[in-house]
């Protein structure tokens, strides 16, 4: 269900960034006012914190299922960036 809602419906171009912010808050992400997550982003987990004035541009991958990803105030993330918290035991 997570992929269908978050990475399907919420990341589609039919949803504006204000509505997307509201919907992603409902699943537990901490998104301040004046933030934006643009379409096409893949988000794994709800440990995302996006502080005031920051945005994530299109087609980014944010793996925050295993550890939090915290993006401070007034930070701009470019196109196609990846934040990965996954680890493998060797």
C-alpha atoms as a PDB file:
ATOM      1  CA  UNK A   1       0.000   0.000   0.000  1.00  0.00           C
ATOM      2  CA  UNK A   2       2.912   2.368   0.756  1.00  0.00           C
ATOM      3  CA  UNK A   3       4.223   2.275  -2.804  1.00  0.00           C
ATOM      4  CA  UNK A   4       0.775   2.746  -4.294  1.00  0.00           C
ATOM      5  CA  UNK A   5      -0.052   5.755  -2.115  1.00  0.00           C
ATOM      6  CA  UNK A   6       3.301   7.506  -1.558  1.00  0.00           C
ATOM      7  CA  UNK A   7       5.262   6.560  -4.677  1.00  0.00           C
ATOM      8  CA  UNK A   8       2.288   6.275  -7.006  1.00  0.00           C
ATOM      9  CA  UNK A   9      -0.497   8.688  -6.148  1.00  0.00           C
ATOM     10  CA  UNK A  10       1.441  11.302  -4.148  1.00  0.00           C
ATOM     11  CA  UNK A  11       4.379  11.479  -6.554  1.00  0.00           C
ATOM     12  CA  UNK A  12       2.237  11.870  -9.664  1.00  0.00           C
ATOM     13  CA  UNK A  13       2.065  15.068 -11.668  1.00  0.00           C
ATOM     14  CA  UNK A  14      -1.651  15.296 -10.832  1.00  0.00           C
ATOM     15  CA  UNK A  15      -0.858  16.302  -7.239  1.00  0.00           C
ATOM     16  CA  UNK A  16       0.480  19.769  -6.456  1.00  0.00           C
ATOM     17  CA  UNK A  17       3.313  20.192  -3.981  1.00  0.00           C
ATOM     18  CA  UNK A  18       1.047  21.759  -1.301  1.00  0.00           C
ATOM     19  CA  UNK A  19      -1.373  18.829  -1.425  1.00  0.00           C
ATOM     20  CA  UNK A  20       1.571  16.402  -1.561  1.00  0.00           C
ATOM     21  CA  UNK A  21       2.978  17.968   1.619  1.00  0.00           C
ATOM     22  CA  UNK A  22      -0.345  17.471   3.431  1.00  0.00           C
ATOM     23  CA  UNK A  23      -0.686  13.854   2.279  1.00  0.00           C
ATOM     24  CA  UNK A  24       2.886  12.963   3.227  1.00  0.00           C
ATOM     25  CA  UNK A  25       2.364  14.455   6.683  1.00  0.00           C
ATOM     26  CA  UNK A  26      -0.559  12.059   7.122  1.00  0.00           C
ATOM     27  CA  UNK A  27       1.808   9.093   6.774  1.00  0.00           C
ATOM     28  CA  UNK A  28       4.170  10.488   9.422  1.00  0.00           C
ATOM     29  CA  UNK A  29       6.723  12.641   7.619  1.00  0.00           C
ATOM     30  CA  UNK A  30       7.738  15.900   9.293  1.00  0.00           C
ATOM     31  CA  UNK A  31       7.411  18.535   6.592  1.00  0.00           C
ATOM     32  CA  UNK A  32       7.463  22.196   7.650  1.00  0.00           C
ATOM     33  CA  UNK A  33       5.482  24.952   5.975  1.00  0.00           C
ATOM     34  CA  UNK A  34       7.013  26.483   2.851  1.00  0.00           C
ATOM     35  CA  UNK A  35       8.536  23.181   1.733  1.00  0.00           C
ATOM     36  CA  UNK A  36       8.074  21.294  -1.506  1.00  0.00           C
ATOM     37  CA  UNK A  37       8.651  17.784  -2.760  1.00  0.00           C
ATOM     38  CA  UNK A  38       8.250  17.747  -6.513  1.00  0.00           C
ATOM     39  CA  UNK A  39       6.763  14.985  -8.642  1.00  0.00           C
ATOM     40  CA  UNK A  40       8.474  11.718  -9.408  1.00  0.00           C
ATOM     41  CA  UNK A  41      10.308  11.302  -6.097  1.00  0.00           C
ATOM     42  CA  UNK A  42      10.599   7.804  -4.622  1.00  0.00           C
ATOM     43  CA  UNK A  43      10.418   7.762  -0.822  1.00  0.00           C
ATOM     44  CA  UNK A  44      11.034   4.600   1.179  1.00  0.00           C
ATOM     45  CA  UNK A  45       9.953   4.987   4.820  1.00  0.00           C
ATOM     46  CA  UNK A  46       8.521   7.908   6.725  1.00  0.00           C
ATOM     47  CA  UNK A  47      11.650   9.111   8.606  1.00  0.00           C
ATOM     48  CA  UNK A  48      11.913  12.249   6.471  1.00  0.00           C
ATOM     49  CA  UNK A  49      12.286  15.686   8.069  1.00  0.00           C
ATOM     50  CA  UNK A  50      12.158  18.677   5.739  1.00  0.00           C
ATOM     51  CA  UNK A  51      12.580  22.027   7.469  1.00  0.00           C
ATOM     52  CA  UNK A  52      11.205  25.450   6.497  1.00  0.00           C
ATOM     53  CA  UNK A  53      12.072  26.829   3.088  1.00  0.00           C
ATOM     54  CA  UNK A  54      13.578  23.617   1.684  1.00  0.00           C
ATOM     55  CA  UNK A  55      12.626  21.610  -1.371  1.00  0.00           C
ATOM     56  CA  UNK A  56      13.371  18.343  -3.098  1.00  0.00           C
ATOM     57  CA  UNK A  57      13.395  18.540  -6.870  1.00  0.00           C
ATOM     58  CA  UNK A  58      12.077  15.942  -9.332  1.00  0.00           C
ATOM     59  CA  UNK A  59      13.012  12.271  -9.531  1.00  0.00           C
ATOM     60  CA  UNK A  60      14.967  12.016  -6.285  1.00  0.00           C
ATOM     61  CA  UNK A  61      15.286   8.795  -4.286  1.00  0.00           C
ATOM     62  CA  UNK A  62      15.035   9.097  -0.506  1.00  0.00           C
ATOM     63  CA  UNK A  63      15.549   5.891   1.437  1.00  0.00           C
ATOM     64  CA  UNK A  64      14.624   6.857   4.981  1.00  0.00           C
ATOM     65  CA  UNK A  65      13.319   3.489   6.145  1.00  0.00           C
ATOM     66  CA  UNK A  66      16.370   2.555   8.226  1.00  0.00           C
ATOM     67  CA  UNK A  67      17.486   5.951   9.562  1.00  0.00           C
ATOM     68  CA  UNK A  68      16.137   9.498   9.438  1.00  0.00           C
ATOM     69  CA  UNK A  69      16.976  11.848   6.597  1.00  0.00           C
ATOM     70  CA  UNK A  70      16.948  15.424   7.914  1.00  0.00           C
ATOM     71  CA  UNK A  71      17.152  18.315   5.475  1.00  0.00           C
ATOM     72  CA  UNK A  72      17.675  21.652   7.241  1.00  0.00           C
ATOM     73  CA  UNK A  73      16.236  25.086   6.530  1.00  0.00           C
ATOM     74  CA  UNK A  74      16.510  26.696   3.090  1.00  0.00           C
ATOM     75  CA  UNK A  75      18.145  23.708   1.394  1.00  0.00           C
ATOM     76  CA  UNK A  76      17.549  22.922  -2.269  1.00  0.00           C
ATOM     77  CA  UNK A  77      18.043  19.360  -3.488  1.00  0.00           C
ATOM     78  CA  UNK A  78      18.693  19.071  -7.242  1.00  0.00           C
ATOM     79  CA  UNK A  79      17.226  16.704  -9.815  1.00  0.00           C
ATOM     80  CA  UNK A  80      17.883  12.948  -9.587  1.00  0.00           C
ATOM     81  CA  UNK A  81      19.685  12.971  -6.205  1.00  0.00           C
ATOM     82  CA  UNK A  82      19.694   9.962  -3.891  1.00  0.00           C
ATOM     83  CA  UNK A  83      19.789   9.784  -0.089  1.00  0.00           C
ATOM     84  CA  UNK A  84      20.270   6.186   1.028  1.00  0.00           C
ATOM     85  CA  UNK A  85      20.262   4.903   4.614  1.00  0.00           C
ATOM     86  CA  UNK A  86      20.298   1.210   3.736  1.00  0.00           C
ATOM     87  CA  UNK A  87      23.274  -0.800   4.914  1.00  0.00           C
ATOM     88  CA  UNK A  88      24.528  -4.310   4.276  1.00  0.00           C
ATOM     89  CA  UNK A  89      26.287  -6.477   6.874  1.00  0.00           C
ATOM     90  CA  UNK A  90      29.478  -7.961   5.492  1.00  0.00           C
END
